[in-house]
Protein backbone atom coordinates (compact mmCIF):
# COMPACT_ATOMS: atom_id res chain seq x y z
CA MET A 1 -1.56 7.49 -38.53
CA SER A 2 -2.49 10.59 -40.47
CA GLU A 3 -1.48 14.10 -39.47
CA ASN A 4 -4.85 14.88 -37.87
CA GLY A 5 -4.89 11.57 -36.08
CA HIS A 6 -8.24 10.28 -37.38
CA GLU A 7 -7.09 7.05 -39.03
CA ASN A 8 -7.78 3.76 -37.28
CA VAL A 9 -10.72 5.34 -35.35
CA PRO A 10 -12.98 2.56 -34.03
CA SER A 11 -16.28 1.91 -35.76
CA ARG A 12 -19.18 4.03 -34.62
CA THR A 13 -22.89 4.24 -35.02
CA ARG A 14 -23.32 7.76 -33.66
CA ARG A 15 -24.06 10.71 -35.92
CA ARG A 16 -21.21 12.88 -37.14
CA PHE A 17 -21.44 16.65 -37.70
CA PRO A 18 -18.97 17.69 -40.45
CA GLY A 19 -17.92 21.28 -40.31
CA ILE A 20 -20.07 22.05 -37.28
CA SER A 21 -19.56 25.49 -35.70
CA SER A 22 -19.43 25.81 -32.02
CA ARG A 23 -22.35 28.31 -32.45
CA ALA A 24 -24.56 25.25 -32.91
CA TYR A 25 -24.23 24.16 -29.25
CA GLU A 26 -23.05 27.30 -27.43
CA HIS A 27 -25.41 28.41 -24.70
CA PRO A 28 -26.58 32.02 -25.26
CA ALA A 29 -25.48 32.89 -21.75
CA ASP A 30 -21.97 31.67 -22.64
CA ARG A 31 -21.66 34.03 -25.57
CA SER A 32 -23.16 37.07 -23.74
CA ALA A 33 -20.97 36.48 -20.64
CA LEU A 34 -17.87 36.38 -22.89
CA VAL A 35 -18.94 39.63 -24.56
CA ALA A 36 -19.42 41.23 -21.07
CA LEU A 37 -16.02 39.90 -20.04
CA ARG A 38 -14.30 41.47 -22.98
CA LYS A 39 -15.94 44.77 -22.18
CA LEU A 40 -14.61 44.72 -18.63
CA SER A 41 -12.35 47.69 -18.10
CA GLY A 42 -8.72 46.65 -18.33
CA PHE A 43 -9.42 43.09 -19.43
CA ASP A 44 -8.01 43.39 -22.93
CA THR A 45 -4.85 44.98 -21.70
CA ALA A 46 -4.37 42.37 -19.00
CA PHE A 47 -5.23 39.52 -21.41
CA LYS A 48 -2.63 40.63 -24.05
CA ALA A 49 0.00 41.03 -21.37
CA LEU A 50 -0.67 37.64 -19.74
CA SER A 51 -0.71 35.88 -23.12
CA GLY A 52 2.92 36.74 -23.51
CA LEU A 53 3.87 36.00 -19.91
CA LEU A 54 2.09 32.76 -19.14
CA PRO A 55 4.49 29.85 -19.11
CA GLU A 56 2.79 27.66 -21.62
CA ARG A 57 5.82 25.59 -22.55
CA SER A 58 6.38 25.02 -18.79
CA LEU A 59 2.79 23.85 -18.46
CA ARG A 60 3.13 21.34 -21.32
CA LEU A 61 6.40 20.02 -19.94
CA LEU A 62 4.86 19.65 -16.52
CA TYR A 63 2.10 17.32 -17.75
CA LEU A 64 4.56 15.52 -20.08
CA SER A 65 6.86 14.79 -17.12
CA ASP A 66 4.46 14.17 -14.30
CA SER A 67 1.27 12.69 -15.93
CA VAL A 68 0.43 9.87 -18.29
CA ARG A 69 -0.12 10.85 -21.90
CA VAL A 70 -3.08 9.10 -23.43
CA GLY A 71 -2.25 7.17 -26.60
CA ASP A 72 -2.41 3.82 -28.30
CA ALA A 73 -0.11 2.33 -25.67
CA GLN A 74 -1.46 4.10 -22.57
CA PHE A 75 -5.18 4.49 -21.66
CA ALA A 76 -6.01 3.28 -25.18
CA HIS A 77 -9.76 3.32 -24.36
CA LEU A 78 -9.57 7.03 -23.61
CA HIS A 79 -7.55 7.65 -26.75
CA ASP A 80 -10.29 5.91 -28.80
CA MET A 81 -12.89 8.12 -27.10
CA LEU A 82 -10.79 11.26 -27.77
CA ARG A 83 -10.41 10.52 -31.48
CA ASP A 84 -14.04 9.57 -31.74
CA ALA A 85 -15.11 12.87 -30.13
CA CYS A 86 -12.85 14.84 -32.47
CA TYR A 87 -14.26 12.90 -35.46
CA ILE A 88 -17.89 13.55 -34.47
CA LEU A 89 -17.33 17.22 -33.88
CA ASP A 90 -14.93 17.48 -36.84
CA LEU A 91 -12.06 18.95 -34.81
CA GLU A 92 -9.23 18.70 -37.29
CA LYS A 93 -6.32 18.19 -34.90
CA VAL A 94 -6.74 15.81 -31.93
CA PRO A 95 -5.40 17.63 -28.82
CA PRO A 96 -2.98 15.93 -26.43
CA MET A 97 -4.67 14.34 -23.50
CA TYR A 98 -3.16 13.44 -20.10
CA VAL A 99 -4.30 11.50 -17.06
CA THR A 100 -3.02 13.00 -13.80
CA GLN A 101 -3.05 11.48 -10.34
CA ASP A 102 -5.73 13.24 -8.28
CA PRO A 103 -8.50 11.53 -6.30
CA ARG A 104 -10.83 14.43 -6.97
CA PRO A 105 -12.91 13.81 -10.15
CA ASN A 106 -12.13 16.65 -12.62
CA ALA A 107 -11.30 17.41 -16.19
CA MET A 108 -10.16 20.61 -17.97
CA CYS A 109 -9.10 21.92 -21.32
CA ILE A 110 -6.24 24.45 -21.07
CA GLY A 111 -3.60 26.02 -23.32
CA LEU A 112 -3.01 29.23 -25.18
CA ASP A 113 -1.52 28.18 -28.48
CA GLU A 114 -3.04 24.75 -28.63
CA PRO A 115 -5.44 23.07 -26.22
CA ILE A 116 -4.51 20.26 -23.79
CA ILE A 117 -7.07 18.02 -22.14
CA VAL A 118 -6.32 16.82 -18.59
CA VAL A 119 -8.54 14.29 -16.68
CA THR A 120 -7.90 13.05 -13.13
CA THR A 121 -7.64 9.51 -11.94
CA GLY A 122 -10.60 10.17 -9.70
CA LEU A 123 -12.73 10.89 -12.72
CA VAL A 124 -11.50 7.88 -14.72
CA ASP A 125 -12.27 5.61 -11.70
CA LEU A 126 -15.72 7.10 -11.14
CA LEU A 127 -17.32 7.00 -14.58
CA ASP A 128 -18.25 4.16 -16.89
CA GLU A 129 -17.35 4.15 -20.61
CA GLU A 130 -20.45 6.01 -21.84
CA GLU A 131 -20.35 8.50 -19.03
CA MET A 132 -16.68 9.17 -19.71
CA ARG A 133 -17.39 9.55 -23.47
CA ALA A 134 -19.70 12.51 -22.62
CA VAL A 135 -16.95 14.07 -20.49
CA VAL A 136 -14.31 13.68 -23.28
CA GLY A 137 -16.82 15.21 -25.70
CA HIS A 138 -17.43 18.00 -23.20
CA GLU A 139 -13.67 18.84 -23.18
CA VAL A 140 -13.45 18.60 -27.00
CA GLY A 141 -16.37 21.08 -27.08
CA HIS A 142 -14.24 23.46 -24.95
CA ALA A 143 -11.44 23.07 -27.48
CA LEU A 144 -13.66 23.69 -30.46
CA SER A 145 -15.11 26.77 -28.82
CA GLY A 146 -11.70 28.25 -28.00
CA HIS A 147 -12.41 28.20 -24.31
CA SER A 148 -8.93 26.86 -23.31
CA VAL A 149 -7.33 30.29 -23.67
CA TYR A 150 -9.59 31.99 -21.11
CA ARG A 151 -9.53 28.94 -18.82
CA THR A 152 -5.77 29.12 -18.70
CA VAL A 153 -5.89 32.84 -17.83
CA LEU A 154 -8.40 32.10 -15.16
CA LEU A 155 -6.19 29.47 -13.53
CA PHE A 156 -3.22 31.84 -13.59
CA LEU A 157 -5.14 34.77 -12.19
CA THR A 158 -6.73 32.72 -9.43
CA GLY A 159 -3.23 31.84 -8.22
CA LEU A 160 -2.10 35.44 -8.69
CA ALA A 161 -4.96 36.73 -6.61
CA LEU A 162 -3.76 34.62 -3.65
CA LYS A 163 -0.26 36.04 -3.98
CA VAL A 164 -1.29 39.72 -4.14
CA ALA A 165 -4.04 39.45 -1.53
CA TRP A 166 -2.01 41.62 0.82
CA ILE A 167 -2.01 44.46 -1.74
CA PRO A 168 -5.47 46.08 -1.45
CA LEU A 169 -5.77 47.77 -4.85
CA GLY A 170 -3.89 45.05 -6.71
CA ASN A 171 -6.16 42.37 -5.26
CA VAL A 172 -9.31 44.32 -6.10
CA ALA A 173 -8.13 44.73 -9.75
CA VAL A 174 -7.25 41.04 -10.12
CA MET A 175 -10.41 39.78 -8.38
CA ALA A 176 -12.65 41.90 -10.61
CA ILE A 177 -11.24 40.03 -13.66
CA VAL A 178 -11.31 36.66 -11.85
CA THR A 179 -14.97 37.16 -10.91
CA ALA A 180 -15.92 38.00 -14.45
CA LEU A 181 -13.90 35.07 -15.83
CA ARG A 182 -15.64 32.71 -13.40
CA GLU A 183 -19.04 34.03 -14.40
CA TRP A 184 -18.17 33.33 -18.02
CA PHE A 185 -16.64 29.94 -17.30
CA ARG A 186 -19.74 28.72 -15.44
CA LYS A 187 -21.80 29.63 -18.53
CA SER A 188 -19.26 28.00 -20.80
CA GLU A 189 -19.76 24.68 -18.95
CA LEU A 190 -23.39 24.68 -20.12
CA SER A 191 -22.09 24.86 -23.73
CA ALA A 192 -19.58 22.10 -23.19
CA ASP A 193 -22.27 19.83 -21.58
CA ARG A 194 -24.19 20.19 -24.85
CA ALA A 195 -21.09 19.28 -26.88
CA GLY A 196 -20.69 16.17 -24.61
CA LEU A 197 -24.24 15.16 -25.49
CA LEU A 198 -23.59 15.60 -29.19
CA VAL A 199 -20.60 13.33 -28.86
CA GLY A 200 -22.09 10.65 -26.59
CA GLN A 201 -25.64 10.97 -27.94
CA ASP A 202 -26.87 9.30 -24.76
CA LEU A 203 -28.81 11.62 -22.46
CA ARG A 204 -28.99 9.07 -19.67
CA ALA A 205 -25.24 8.62 -19.65
CA SER A 206 -24.75 12.35 -19.42
CA MET A 207 -27.27 12.45 -16.52
CA ARG A 208 -25.53 9.60 -14.78
CA GLY A 209 -22.21 11.33 -15.02
CA LEU A 210 -23.49 14.51 -13.49
CA MET A 211 -25.19 12.55 -10.66
CA LYS A 212 -21.91 10.74 -9.85
CA LEU A 213 -20.05 14.10 -9.75
CA ALA A 214 -22.60 15.14 -7.16
CA GLY A 215 -23.06 11.92 -5.19
CA GLY A 216 -20.19 9.59 -5.88
CA HIS A 217 -20.17 6.10 -7.41
CA HIS A 218 -23.28 4.83 -5.52
CA LEU A 219 -25.40 4.91 -8.69
CA HIS A 220 -27.67 2.19 -7.46
CA GLU A 221 -28.74 4.52 -4.64
CA MET A 222 -29.59 7.46 -7.03
CA ASN A 223 -32.36 8.20 -9.53
CA VAL A 224 -32.22 10.53 -12.51
CA ASP A 225 -35.80 11.78 -12.16
CA ALA A 226 -35.37 12.44 -8.40
CA PHE A 227 -32.05 14.24 -9.21
CA LEU A 228 -33.79 16.47 -11.73
CA ALA A 229 -36.57 17.19 -9.20
CA GLN A 230 -33.85 18.59 -6.92
CA ALA A 231 -33.01 21.13 -9.65
CA GLU A 232 -36.67 22.16 -9.89
CA GLU A 233 -36.88 22.49 -6.10
CA TYR A 234 -33.61 24.50 -6.02
CA GLU A 235 -34.86 26.92 -8.59
CA ALA A 236 -38.37 27.46 -7.30
CA GLY A 237 -37.83 27.01 -3.58
CA GLY A 238 -37.41 29.59 -0.86
CA ASP A 239 -37.93 33.36 -0.82
CA LEU A 240 -35.94 36.35 -1.95
CA ARG A 241 -33.34 35.87 0.73
CA ASP A 242 -32.68 32.36 -0.55
CA SER A 243 -32.30 33.74 -4.08
CA VAL A 244 -29.57 36.10 -2.77
CA LEU A 245 -27.88 33.18 -0.94
CA LYS A 246 -27.87 31.15 -4.15
CA ILE A 247 -25.95 33.95 -5.89
CA LEU A 248 -23.44 34.19 -3.08
CA ASN A 249 -22.99 30.34 -3.00
CA VAL A 250 -22.20 30.18 -6.68
CA LEU A 251 -19.82 33.16 -6.92
CA PRO A 252 -16.63 31.35 -5.81
CA ARG A 253 -17.34 28.28 -7.91
CA SER A 254 -15.81 27.58 -11.33
CA HIS A 255 -18.71 25.27 -12.35
CA PRO A 256 -22.50 25.62 -12.04
CA PHE A 257 -24.26 23.32 -9.58
CA THR A 258 -24.60 19.83 -10.96
CA THR A 259 -28.40 19.69 -10.58
CA VAL A 260 -28.69 22.89 -12.54
CA ARG A 261 -26.39 21.55 -15.29
CA ALA A 262 -28.49 18.35 -15.52
CA ALA A 263 -31.75 20.33 -15.81
CA GLU A 264 -30.28 22.68 -18.46
CA LEU A 265 -28.95 19.81 -20.54
CA LYS A 266 -32.24 17.87 -20.38
CA LYS A 267 -34.13 20.99 -21.42
CA TRP A 268 -31.82 21.48 -24.41
CA SER A 269 -32.04 17.78 -25.41
CA GLU A 270 -35.85 18.23 -25.73
CA SER A 271 -35.53 21.45 -27.74
CA ARG A 272 -36.05 22.00 -31.48
CA ASP A 273 -32.45 23.32 -31.68
CA TYR A 274 -31.06 19.96 -30.57
CA GLN A 275 -33.26 17.96 -32.92
CA ARG A 276 -32.29 20.22 -35.90
CA ILE A 277 -28.56 19.46 -35.17
CA MET A 278 -29.29 15.78 -35.02
CA ASP A 279 -31.07 16.05 -38.34
CA GLY A 280 -27.98 17.65 -39.85
CA HIS A 281 -29.20 21.27 -39.89
CA TYR A 282 -26.65 23.35 -38.00
CA PRO A 283 -24.30 26.33 -38.44
CA ARG A 284 -21.05 25.51 -40.21
CA ARG A 285 -17.64 26.91 -39.37
CA SER A 286 -17.39 28.11 -42.94
CA GLU A 287 -20.17 30.55 -42.13
CA ASP A 288 -18.67 31.97 -38.92
CA GLY A 289 -17.23 35.00 -40.71
CA ASP A 290 -20.68 35.98 -41.87
CA THR A 291 -22.15 35.87 -38.34
CA SER A 292 -23.72 39.06 -37.25
CA VAL A 293 -22.66 40.40 -33.85
CA THR A 294 -26.02 42.12 -33.62
CA ASP A 295 -27.82 38.78 -34.10
CA SER A 296 -25.70 37.26 -31.30
CA PHE A 297 -26.59 40.09 -29.03
CA ARG A 298 -30.28 39.70 -29.94
CA GLU A 299 -30.24 35.99 -29.28
CA SER A 300 -28.56 36.45 -25.83
CA ALA A 301 -31.07 39.12 -24.89
CA ASN A 302 -34.02 37.02 -26.00
CA HIS A 303 -32.58 34.07 -24.00
CA TYR A 304 -32.40 36.14 -20.77
CA ALA A 305 -35.87 37.57 -21.32
CA ASP A 306 -37.23 34.10 -21.75
CA THR A 307 -35.31 32.95 -18.70
CA VAL A 308 -36.73 35.75 -16.50
CA ARG A 309 -40.24 35.16 -17.81
CA GLY A 310 -40.13 31.38 -17.28
CA SER A 311 -38.13 31.26 -14.04
CA ARG A 312 -39.75 30.22 -10.82
CA ASP A 313 -36.95 31.70 -8.76
CA PRO A 314 -38.37 34.47 -6.49
CA LEU A 315 -35.72 37.02 -7.49
CA MET A 316 -36.18 36.34 -11.20
CA LYS A 317 -39.92 36.57 -10.81
CA LEU A 318 -39.48 39.94 -9.09
CA VAL A 319 -37.28 41.14 -11.83
CA GLY A 320 -39.91 40.10 -14.39
CA ASP A 321 -42.71 41.83 -12.45
CA ILE A 322 -40.67 45.07 -12.25
CA ALA A 323 -39.73 44.88 -15.93
CA GLY A 324 -43.39 44.38 -16.68
CA GLY A 325 -44.34 47.48 -14.68
CA ALA A 326 -46.21 45.49 -12.04
CA GLY A 327 -45.95 47.68 -8.99
CA ASP A 328 -43.36 49.57 -7.03
CA LEU A 329 -39.92 48.15 -6.26
CA GLY A 330 -39.74 49.19 -2.63
CA GLY A 331 -42.98 47.52 -1.72
CA LYS A 332 -42.17 44.32 -3.37
CA LEU A 333 -38.71 44.09 -1.78
CA PHE A 334 -40.14 44.81 1.61
CA GLY A 335 -42.73 42.10 1.26
CA LYS A 336 -40.28 39.51 -0.13
CA PHE A 337 -37.59 40.04 2.55
CA THR A 338 -39.97 40.26 5.48
CA GLY A 339 -42.35 37.61 4.29
CA ALA A 340 -45.27 40.04 4.39
CA SER A 341 -48.04 39.14 1.97
CA GLY A 342 -49.39 42.61 1.44
CA ASP A 343 -47.97 46.06 0.71
CA ARG A 344 -45.84 48.11 3.14
CA PRO A 345 -47.66 49.61 6.09
CA GLY A 346 -49.48 52.73 5.14
CA THR A 347 -49.56 52.16 1.47
CA GLY A 348 -52.43 49.71 1.16
CA ASP A 349 -55.80 50.58 -0.33
CA ASP A 350 -57.91 48.19 1.79
CA GLY A 351 -59.52 51.09 3.69
CA LYS A 352 -57.38 50.52 6.85
CA GLY A 353 -54.39 52.60 5.80
CA LYS A 354 -53.87 55.83 3.92
CA GLY A 355 -53.91 55.19 0.27
CA PRO A 356 -51.15 56.56 -2.04
CA ASP A 357 -51.39 60.21 -2.99
CA THR A 358 -52.54 61.04 -6.43
CA ALA A 359 -51.46 63.95 -8.61
């Protein structure tokens, strides 16, 4: 086998993307959340300190001693998928991959110096070959984007937050970074889902995998179109109070909701950006050094503006109305939270109440 591990890779009919940059598939919200994270007061100092303290060697030895390392002799089908994914995304060095005993379906890419991919037995048992291929591609996407470093810091800080919970100021400081890291990581999952689709090149398999993560192995009882309809209902349903509850529900989570992930991935699969990548037109890693930070900021800002304009969520619609200068904030908030269809009492101009004063 060669040094990069790509010899004897099984035959494939899927497209390959030589030299592809992670910028090709990264979600704009991923990049902007990472920029916001790096601007968080104290993050750089904490990150540099933790990078030297985190027990990376201990972490590697733990998986080596208490999990099964994927290779030609163990979980060979997963090893083929891993090499295949690295070949398609042109990741030069195939990262080590381990299967660990855990009935909960999960996968992660961690490590500071070099990434390690870990999948649970619950995930291996749950997914079929093509669904698993998308997951392996998802984790290789994390590796190519350099997400493993921040994911490792997040895991460490989450445990640290529990240990210092009794120290008021210490816990507040740690939780501020943990909250920002979780916000970024949820966005990074949308990027990695796209990488999984580029590797598997089978949208239905990606959708099936997400459905199984939400509803278990009873695939014959589920339907992709109905699952996507749930995402639409989730986004558009309810009032402003529900919008606030959605935010509170997602804050402690490391991953976005599965219906939301499925809808985002389907939308991207139908976009011009995805088609251009499949046609061979995509950013190369050799061009990463010439990338303008200003252009990245502009792309992220345009994405959020488009999201607000196109969203059917009541809170996002309100934000769009306010940004567009459509009425006063207080009146809209009052109406949204109370369910009133008109303006606040005394501010209407229907002839029954006193109209607003004019200068």
